[in-house]
Amino acid sequence: MNTSTLSTIDTQLHGHIRWDYDENKTRVHSLYELAKNKVWKTSEAPWEALVDKSLPPSRRQFEPLSGFAPYDALPPQQKISTSWYRHALEISDILHGEQGALLVSSQLVSCMPDVEAKLFASSQVSDEARHVEFFSRYLLEVVGNVEPPSDAVADLIKIMVNDPRWDYKFIACQILIESLALARLQDIRRATLVPVLAYAIDFISADEARHVKFGTEILRRHLSTLSADELQARSDFVVDHVLRLGNAMNIYTRIAERFDWSVRELRYHLRQSRIQQPESRHDLFRQLMLNMNTVGLLTEQTRQRLSRLDGSR
């Protein structure tokens, strides 16, 4: 086995076993019932729909590299293969994030304070397993390979899994990862030309939205008991990781290095593209800020930090 594909985790969990089961039903119970009724199978996705690799994976108007002179200068087929490489990096990071959510949600079954929350957390484990199953199969069978995670994604997953504090795990998984994933999946759904990916994203997005609702319901109760300093510490945790994800070696840095392009010039091109078409970035932060506000994490200090990150403001 190639040990370079392995990361070691060493977790310490503080959980709860509840021996009383006659609890008042809350919204979490309704979400659990919904989860049981919304199970879908990856095998039922239209895998048989042919994917023409001589065409790009996304509609041309959604290609972020378009307008960058070194990319535009490539021969047509090399442009397409470059777009598929970008797509492989993007979907691979999503896959790795889904595995992180799988690991953390499995831990949360033990950590949740009541049986009702444990039941929903168990349904999320099943959902995340299905997402890992789909994206790994998609990358191997349709795209052709799985790319390794970016350093920032790998570090965040290890921090989530290794942190002994259940609420930090919960915030990282349900607020940070799920909020960013929901916004990113909608961008991909609008752009994709691949039928099986479009089909699965519709189901995966519904799953993720349910997970976010569960997260906000549990966190709102818990965070309302904390002091202002404790709230700010958890809020800073979210924003610090948003910054790390944004500033780390991202997929476009890897693309530039692979094709011997200027990283600085490519990043400038992407910044200009965001200024001209700010909708996607704005949607990304809007989803995150909305969920943080719902649970009480969007302090004035945090609102200002996130507003500076949002290039549309």
Protein backbone atom coordinates (compact mmCIF):
# COMPACT_ATOMS: atom_id res chain seq x y z
CA MET A 1 0.00 0.00 0.00
CA ASN A 2 1.25 3.50 -0.87
CA THR A 3 1.68 5.20 2.50
CA SER A 4 1.69 8.63 0.83
CA THR A 5 -2.05 8.21 0.37
CA LEU A 6 -2.61 7.71 4.11
CA SER A 7 -2.98 10.19 6.97
CA THR A 8 -2.97 9.14 10.61
CA ILE A 9 -5.66 10.35 13.00
CA ASP A 10 -5.63 10.07 16.79
CA THR A 11 -8.97 11.04 18.22
CA GLN A 12 -10.28 11.51 21.74
CA LEU A 13 -14.05 11.76 21.99
CA HIS A 14 -16.20 12.81 24.92
CA GLY A 15 -19.66 11.44 24.22
CA HIS A 16 -22.93 10.57 25.91
CA ILE A 17 -24.99 7.42 26.33
CA ARG A 18 -28.65 8.16 27.06
CA TRP A 19 -30.76 5.49 28.75
CA ASP A 20 -34.01 7.45 28.56
CA TYR A 21 -35.79 7.38 25.21
CA ASP A 22 -39.10 9.13 25.89
CA GLU A 23 -38.12 12.61 24.80
CA ASN A 24 -40.11 15.49 23.38
CA LYS A 25 -40.07 15.45 19.61
CA THR A 26 -38.42 18.52 18.08
CA ARG A 27 -37.67 19.64 14.54
CA VAL A 28 -34.71 17.25 14.56
CA HIS A 29 -37.15 14.33 14.66
CA SER A 30 -38.92 15.69 11.57
CA LEU A 31 -35.58 15.98 9.79
CA TYR A 32 -34.79 12.38 10.72
CA GLU A 33 -38.12 11.20 9.29
CA LEU A 34 -37.41 13.19 6.12
CA ALA A 35 -33.94 11.66 5.84
CA LYS A 36 -35.41 8.15 5.97
CA ASN A 37 -37.81 8.99 3.16
CA LYS A 38 -35.25 10.69 0.90
CA VAL A 39 -32.68 7.92 0.56
CA TRP A 40 -31.43 7.55 -3.01
CA LYS A 41 -29.07 5.03 -4.59
CA THR A 42 -25.91 5.89 -6.49
CA SER A 43 -26.50 2.82 -8.67
CA GLU A 44 -29.68 4.46 -10.01
CA ALA A 45 -27.77 7.46 -11.41
CA PRO A 46 -27.55 7.51 -15.24
CA TRP A 47 -24.07 6.01 -15.44
CA GLU A 48 -24.89 4.64 -18.88
CA ALA A 49 -25.20 8.15 -20.35
CA LEU A 50 -22.14 8.56 -22.55
CA VAL A 51 -19.66 11.30 -21.71
CA ASP A 52 -17.82 12.76 -24.71
CA LYS A 53 -14.32 13.55 -23.44
CA SER A 54 -13.64 15.47 -26.65
CA LEU A 55 -15.97 18.09 -25.17
CA PRO A 56 -15.27 20.10 -21.99
CA PRO A 57 -16.96 19.07 -18.71
CA SER A 58 -18.61 22.48 -18.30
CA ARG A 59 -20.36 25.04 -20.46
CA ARG A 60 -17.80 27.38 -21.97
CA GLN A 61 -19.22 30.52 -20.34
CA PHE A 62 -18.54 28.95 -16.93
CA GLU A 63 -14.89 28.04 -17.62
CA PRO A 64 -12.87 30.16 -15.13
CA LEU A 65 -9.70 29.83 -17.21
CA SER A 66 -11.35 31.42 -20.24
CA GLY A 67 -9.85 34.84 -20.96
CA PHE A 68 -6.48 33.92 -19.45
CA ALA A 69 -4.05 34.41 -22.35
CA PRO A 70 -1.92 31.25 -21.88
CA TYR A 71 -5.09 29.13 -21.71
CA ASP A 72 -6.68 30.85 -24.70
CA ALA A 73 -3.49 30.23 -26.69
CA LEU A 74 -3.73 26.46 -26.25
CA PRO A 75 -4.87 24.27 -29.18
CA PRO A 76 -8.59 23.35 -28.87
CA GLN A 77 -8.08 19.78 -27.65
CA GLN A 78 -5.45 20.85 -25.12
CA LYS A 79 -7.90 23.44 -23.80
CA ILE A 80 -10.43 20.66 -23.28
CA SER A 81 -7.94 18.35 -21.53
CA THR A 82 -6.91 21.27 -19.30
CA SER A 83 -10.56 21.86 -18.39
CA TRP A 84 -10.93 18.17 -17.49
CA TYR A 85 -7.82 18.42 -15.29
CA ARG A 86 -9.31 21.46 -13.51
CA HIS A 87 -12.56 19.52 -13.11
CA ALA A 88 -10.68 16.52 -11.64
CA LEU A 89 -9.00 18.76 -9.06
CA GLU A 90 -12.27 20.45 -8.16
CA ILE A 91 -14.32 17.27 -7.78
CA SER A 92 -11.47 15.51 -5.95
CA ASP A 93 -11.43 18.23 -3.28
CA ILE A 94 -15.21 17.80 -2.95
CA LEU A 95 -14.73 14.04 -2.58
CA HIS A 96 -12.11 14.52 0.14
CA GLY A 97 -14.40 16.97 1.92
CA GLU A 98 -17.21 14.40 1.81
CA GLN A 99 -14.92 11.80 3.38
CA GLY A 100 -14.11 14.32 6.11
CA ALA A 101 -17.83 14.84 6.69
CA LEU A 102 -18.29 11.05 6.81
CA LEU A 103 -15.61 10.66 9.49
CA VAL A 104 -16.86 13.57 11.60
CA SER A 105 -20.56 12.67 11.34
CA SER A 106 -19.72 9.15 12.50
CA GLN A 107 -18.01 10.66 15.56
CA LEU A 108 -20.99 12.92 16.23
CA VAL A 109 -23.25 9.92 16.75
CA SER A 110 -21.36 9.37 20.01
CA CYS A 111 -21.00 13.06 20.84
CA MET A 112 -24.60 14.23 20.39
CA PRO A 113 -26.30 15.10 23.69
CA ASP A 114 -29.62 13.29 23.12
CA VAL A 115 -31.01 10.24 21.35
CA GLU A 116 -32.98 12.27 18.81
CA ALA A 117 -29.82 14.01 17.61
CA LYS A 118 -27.91 10.70 17.56
CA LEU A 119 -30.56 9.21 15.26
CA PHE A 120 -30.26 12.04 12.77
CA ALA A 121 -26.46 11.98 12.95
CA SER A 122 -26.62 8.29 12.03
CA SER A 123 -28.66 9.15 8.94
CA GLN A 124 -26.05 11.75 7.99
CA VAL A 125 -23.34 9.07 8.17
CA SER A 126 -25.31 7.09 5.59
CA ASP A 127 -25.75 10.18 3.41
CA GLU A 128 -22.05 11.05 3.52
CA ALA A 129 -21.11 7.47 2.67
CA ARG A 130 -23.33 7.69 -0.40
CA HIS A 131 -21.66 10.97 -1.42
CA VAL A 132 -18.20 9.43 -1.08
CA GLU A 133 -19.38 6.43 -3.09
CA PHE A 134 -20.74 8.62 -5.89
CA PHE A 135 -17.85 11.06 -6.23
CA SER A 136 -15.17 8.35 -6.04
CA ARG A 137 -16.96 6.30 -8.71
CA TYR A 138 -17.50 9.42 -10.84
CA LEU A 139 -13.83 10.38 -10.69
CA LEU A 140 -12.56 6.87 -11.42
CA GLU A 141 -15.06 5.88 -14.12
CA VAL A 142 -15.92 9.17 -15.81
CA VAL A 143 -13.05 11.59 -15.18
CA GLY A 144 -10.33 8.95 -15.00
CA ASN A 145 -8.51 9.57 -11.72
CA VAL A 146 -8.69 10.99 -8.19
CA GLU A 147 -6.33 13.86 -7.43
CA PRO A 148 -4.81 14.24 -3.93
CA PRO A 149 -6.38 16.83 -1.62
CA SER A 150 -5.06 20.34 -1.34
CA ASP A 151 -3.05 20.94 1.83
CA ALA A 152 -5.74 23.24 3.25
CA VAL A 153 -8.52 20.68 2.75
CA ALA A 154 -6.43 17.86 4.23
CA ASP A 155 -5.46 19.99 7.24
CA LEU A 156 -9.06 21.03 7.93
CA ILE A 157 -10.26 17.42 7.81
CA LYS A 158 -7.56 16.29 10.23
CA ILE A 159 -8.35 19.18 12.59
CA MET A 160 -12.07 18.30 12.52
CA VAL A 161 -11.46 14.63 13.19
CA ASN A 162 -8.82 15.09 15.89
CA ASP A 163 -10.51 17.89 17.86
CA PRO A 164 -12.03 16.44 21.07
CA ARG A 165 -14.63 19.24 21.37
CA TRP A 166 -17.92 18.15 19.85
CA ASP A 167 -19.17 21.67 19.11
CA TYR A 168 -16.02 22.59 17.17
CA LYS A 169 -16.42 19.39 15.14
CA PHE A 170 -20.04 20.25 14.57
CA ILE A 171 -19.32 23.83 13.54
CA ALA A 172 -16.58 22.76 11.13
CA CYS A 173 -18.70 20.04 9.55
CA GLN A 174 -22.23 21.46 9.56
CA ILE A 175 -21.57 25.18 9.17
CA LEU A 176 -18.22 25.58 7.42
CA ILE A 177 -17.94 22.52 5.15
CA GLU A 178 -21.64 22.06 4.39
CA SER A 179 -22.24 25.78 3.68
CA LEU A 180 -19.31 26.00 1.28
CA ALA A 181 -20.24 22.68 -0.33
CA LEU A 182 -23.85 23.73 -0.95
CA ALA A 183 -22.80 26.91 -2.72
CA ARG A 184 -20.06 25.18 -4.72
CA LEU A 185 -22.32 22.32 -5.82
CA GLN A 186 -24.86 24.78 -7.16
CA ASP A 187 -22.14 26.47 -9.23
CA ILE A 188 -21.11 23.10 -10.66
CA ARG A 189 -24.73 22.15 -11.31
CA ARG A 190 -25.28 25.30 -13.40
CA ALA A 191 -22.11 24.69 -15.40
CA THR A 192 -21.92 20.94 -15.92
CA LEU A 193 -22.44 19.15 -19.23
CA VAL A 194 -22.20 15.69 -17.62
CA PRO A 195 -25.67 14.12 -17.07
CA VAL A 196 -24.69 11.76 -14.24
CA LEU A 197 -23.08 14.60 -12.29
CA ALA A 198 -26.11 16.88 -12.72
CA TYR A 199 -28.41 14.04 -11.58
CA ALA A 200 -26.42 13.29 -8.42
CA ILE A 201 -25.87 16.93 -7.42
CA ASP A 202 -29.63 17.45 -7.18
CA PHE A 203 -29.87 14.65 -4.60
CA ILE A 204 -26.62 15.52 -2.81
CA SER A 205 -27.65 19.17 -2.46
CA ALA A 206 -30.93 18.11 -0.85
CA ASP A 207 -28.98 15.92 1.60
CA GLU A 208 -26.57 18.76 2.42
CA ALA A 209 -29.41 21.24 2.99
CA ARG A 210 -30.95 18.80 5.48
CA HIS A 211 -27.61 18.45 7.28
CA VAL A 212 -27.31 22.24 7.56
CA LYS A 213 -30.82 22.48 9.04
CA PHE A 214 -29.87 19.82 11.60
CA GLY A 215 -26.65 21.67 12.40
CA THR A 216 -28.35 25.02 12.89
CA GLU A 217 -31.04 23.48 15.09
CA ILE A 218 -28.55 21.82 17.46
CA LEU A 219 -26.02 24.66 17.47
CA ARG A 220 -28.58 27.38 18.09
CA ARG A 221 -29.56 25.69 21.35
CA HIS A 222 -25.98 25.04 22.42
CA LEU A 223 -24.40 28.36 21.44
CA SER A 224 -27.12 30.35 23.23
CA THR A 225 -25.63 29.07 26.52
CA LEU A 226 -22.11 30.40 25.82
CA SER A 227 -20.48 33.69 26.78
CA ALA A 228 -19.66 36.39 24.20
CA ASP A 229 -15.96 35.45 24.33
CA GLU A 230 -16.74 31.77 23.78
CA LEU A 231 -18.96 32.64 20.82
CA GLN A 232 -16.28 34.85 19.28
CA ALA A 233 -13.68 32.08 19.63
CA ARG A 234 -15.90 29.70 17.67
CA SER A 235 -16.72 32.38 15.13
CA ASP A 236 -13.01 33.13 14.63
CA PHE A 237 -12.43 29.40 14.13
CA VAL A 238 -14.74 29.46 11.09
CA VAL A 239 -13.29 32.60 9.51
CA ASP A 240 -9.68 31.54 10.13
CA HIS A 241 -10.31 28.34 8.19
CA VAL A 242 -12.09 30.20 5.38
CA LEU A 243 -8.93 32.32 5.08
CA ARG A 244 -6.68 29.27 5.08
CA LEU A 245 -8.76 27.58 2.41
CA GLY A 246 -8.60 30.73 0.29
CA ASN A 247 -4.91 31.48 0.74
CA ALA A 248 -3.50 27.97 0.57
CA MET A 249 -2.19 26.24 -2.55
CA ASN A 250 -5.53 25.88 -4.32
CA ILE A 251 -6.41 24.09 -7.52
CA TYR A 252 -5.49 27.05 -9.73
CA THR A 253 -2.01 27.21 -8.21
CA ARG A 254 -1.63 23.52 -9.07
CA ILE A 255 -2.86 24.16 -12.61
CA ALA A 256 -0.41 27.05 -13.08
CA GLU A 257 2.51 24.95 -11.83
CA ARG A 258 1.57 21.99 -14.01
CA PHE A 259 1.51 24.09 -17.19
CA ASP A 260 4.36 26.41 -16.18
CA TRP A 261 2.09 29.44 -16.08
CA SER A 262 2.60 32.42 -13.80
CA VAL A 263 0.72 31.81 -10.55
CA ARG A 264 0.55 35.55 -9.93
CA GLU A 265 -0.91 36.27 -13.37
CA LEU A 266 -3.47 33.48 -13.12
CA ARG A 267 -4.61 34.66 -9.69
CA TYR A 268 -4.92 38.19 -11.06
CA HIS A 269 -7.07 36.86 -13.91
CA LEU A 270 -9.32 35.02 -11.46
CA ARG A 271 -9.68 38.12 -9.25
CA GLN A 272 -10.68 40.17 -12.28
CA SER A 273 -13.20 37.52 -13.28
CA ARG A 274 -14.74 37.61 -9.80
CA ILE A 275 -15.02 41.39 -9.97
CA GLN A 276 -16.78 41.19 -13.34
CA GLN A 277 -18.99 38.26 -12.32
CA PRO A 278 -19.25 38.36 -8.52
CA GLU A 279 -22.39 36.23 -8.20
CA SER A 280 -20.71 32.90 -7.35
CA ARG A 281 -18.40 34.34 -4.71
CA HIS A 282 -21.24 36.38 -3.23
CA ASP A 283 -23.45 33.29 -3.08
CA LEU A 284 -20.63 31.40 -1.33
CA PHE A 285 -20.34 33.96 1.46
CA ARG A 286 -24.08 34.62 1.62
CA GLN A 287 -24.75 30.95 2.41
CA LEU A 288 -22.02 30.87 5.05
CA MET A 289 -23.06 34.16 6.65
CA LEU A 290 -26.72 33.14 6.66
CA ASN A 291 -25.97 29.91 8.52
CA MET A 292 -23.58 31.59 10.94
CA ASN A 293 -26.20 34.24 11.68
CA THR A 294 -28.88 31.59 12.29
CA VAL A 295 -26.84 29.92 15.04
CA GLY A 296 -25.52 33.15 16.59
CA LEU A 297 -21.95 33.06 15.25
CA LEU A 298 -22.18 36.12 13.01
CA THR A 299 -20.85 38.70 15.45
CA GLU A 300 -20.18 42.26 14.27
CA GLN A 301 -16.45 41.56 14.25
CA THR A 302 -16.98 38.46 12.13
CA ARG A 303 -19.40 40.21 9.78
CA GLN A 304 -16.72 42.79 9.02
CA ARG A 305 -14.05 40.14 8.39
CA LEU A 306 -16.29 38.18 6.01
CA SER A 307 -17.45 41.33 4.22
CA ARG A 308 -13.82 42.18 3.44
CA LEU A 309 -13.38 38.70 1.95
CA ASP A 310 -16.48 39.01 -0.21
CA GLY A 311 -15.20 40.75 -3.33
CA SER A 312 -18.70 41.85 -4.29
CA ARG A 313 -18.97 44.22 -1.32
